[in-house]
Protein backbone atom coordinates (compact mmCIF):
# COMPACT_ATOMS: atom_id res chain seq x y z
CA MET A 1 -5.34 0.64 -3.09
CA PRO A 2 -2.87 2.11 -0.85
CA VAL A 3 -3.02 1.59 2.80
CA PRO A 4 -4.79 4.73 4.64
CA MET A 5 -1.12 7.10 6.30
CA GLY A 6 -2.87 8.56 8.93
CA CYS A 7 -5.19 6.03 11.57
CA TYR A 8 -7.33 2.72 11.12
CA GLU A 9 -10.54 1.27 13.16
CA GLY A 10 -9.83 -1.30 14.73
CA ARG A 11 -12.82 -4.22 14.24
CA GLU A 12 -12.54 -4.96 17.60
CA SER A 13 -12.54 -1.30 18.77
CA SER A 14 -14.44 1.88 17.65
CA ASN A 15 -11.67 4.36 18.84
CA MET A 16 -8.78 5.11 16.12
CA LYS A 17 -5.98 3.51 16.60
CA SER A 18 -1.90 4.43 15.33
CA LEU A 19 -0.53 3.12 12.54
CA LEU A 20 3.31 3.96 13.55
CA ILE A 21 5.60 0.98 13.68
CA ALA A 22 6.46 2.25 16.98
CA ASP A 23 2.88 1.64 17.93
CA THR A 24 2.15 -1.57 16.16
CA THR A 25 3.37 -4.96 16.52
CA LYS A 26 4.52 -6.96 13.43
CA GLU A 27 0.89 -9.04 13.57
CA GLU A 28 -1.23 -5.88 13.75
CA ARG A 29 1.00 -4.48 10.91
CA GLU A 30 0.03 -7.43 8.70
CA ARG A 31 -3.76 -7.40 10.03
CA ILE A 32 -3.77 -3.97 9.24
CA VAL A 33 -2.36 -4.42 5.20
CA SER A 34 -4.66 -7.22 4.68
CA GLU A 35 -7.39 -5.51 5.86
CA SER A 36 -6.83 -2.91 3.40
CA ILE A 37 -6.21 -4.59 0.49
CA GLY A 38 -8.89 -6.97 1.03
CA ASN A 39 -9.25 -10.03 -0.14
CA ILE A 40 -6.27 -11.55 -1.29
CA ASP A 41 -6.58 -14.98 -1.30
CA GLY A 42 -9.36 -14.67 -3.67
CA ALA A 43 -9.58 -15.18 -7.26
CA CYS A 44 -8.07 -11.75 -9.06
CA ASP A 45 -6.41 -9.88 -11.83
CA GLY A 46 -3.27 -10.91 -10.28
CA CYS A 47 -2.14 -7.48 -8.26
CA SER A 48 -1.80 -8.83 -4.85
CA PRO A 49 1.26 -10.43 -4.86
CA GLY A 50 2.74 -7.29 -6.57
CA ILE A 51 0.78 -4.94 -3.73
CA LEU A 52 1.31 -7.06 -0.59
CA GLU A 53 5.48 -7.09 -1.90
CA MET A 54 4.53 -3.51 -1.75
CA TYR A 55 3.93 -2.61 1.49
CA GLN A 56 6.48 -5.59 3.38
CA ASP A 57 8.83 -3.06 4.32
CA TYR A 58 6.02 -1.44 6.74
CA ILE A 59 5.22 -5.13 7.82
CA GLU A 60 8.78 -5.67 8.74
CA GLY A 61 9.00 -2.26 10.29
CA ARG A 62 11.83 -1.07 7.94
CA LYS A 63 9.13 1.90 6.48
CA GLU A 64 6.32 3.55 7.50
CA LEU A 65 2.85 3.22 5.40
CA ARG A 66 3.52 7.31 4.50
CA GLN A 67 6.98 6.86 3.36
CA ILE A 68 5.85 3.57 1.05
CA ASN A 69 2.91 5.30 -0.43
CA LEU A 70 4.92 8.47 -1.22
CA GLU A 71 7.17 6.99 -2.89
CA PHE A 72 4.25 4.84 -5.17
CA HIS A 73 2.91 7.90 -5.97
CA ALA A 74 5.82 9.86 -6.91
CA ARG A 75 6.77 6.60 -9.42
CA TYR A 76 3.50 6.91 -10.76
CA THR A 77 3.18 10.59 -11.44
CA SER A 78 6.52 10.92 -13.23
CA GLY A 79 6.28 7.98 -15.10
CA ALA A 80 9.73 6.06 -13.55
CA GLU A 81 9.81 2.48 -13.61
CA GLY A 82 6.64 2.88 -15.75
CA PRO A 83 6.13 1.33 -19.04
CA VAL A 84 7.31 3.68 -22.63
CA ARG A 85 5.19 5.36 -24.01
CA SER A 86 4.63 4.19 -28.02
CA GLY A 87 3.01 7.56 -29.19
CA CYS A 88 0.21 8.62 -30.80
CA ASP A 89 -1.26 9.16 -34.15
CA TYR A 90 -2.45 12.32 -32.99
CA SER A 91 -0.86 15.94 -34.05
CA ARG A 92 -1.48 19.19 -33.44
């Protein structure tokens, strides 16, 4: 699940806060990603490491969430770096 691109509501405050790198510390970005992904330490289907890796550039302050999410969606939509379709038996 991609992290929201705009703002988030901090647990300690009802005020909306910016997610931009310039407005957050590395620790805040780690918390934003962790809270957005959910239980990353629990038993799951093994997807957590890939998702965490995907957002590492945001945590380190190299890319904004918007850029990461747009890149992810572009690959998903275009099929780049995706599985190769083997075809199906359906014919028109």
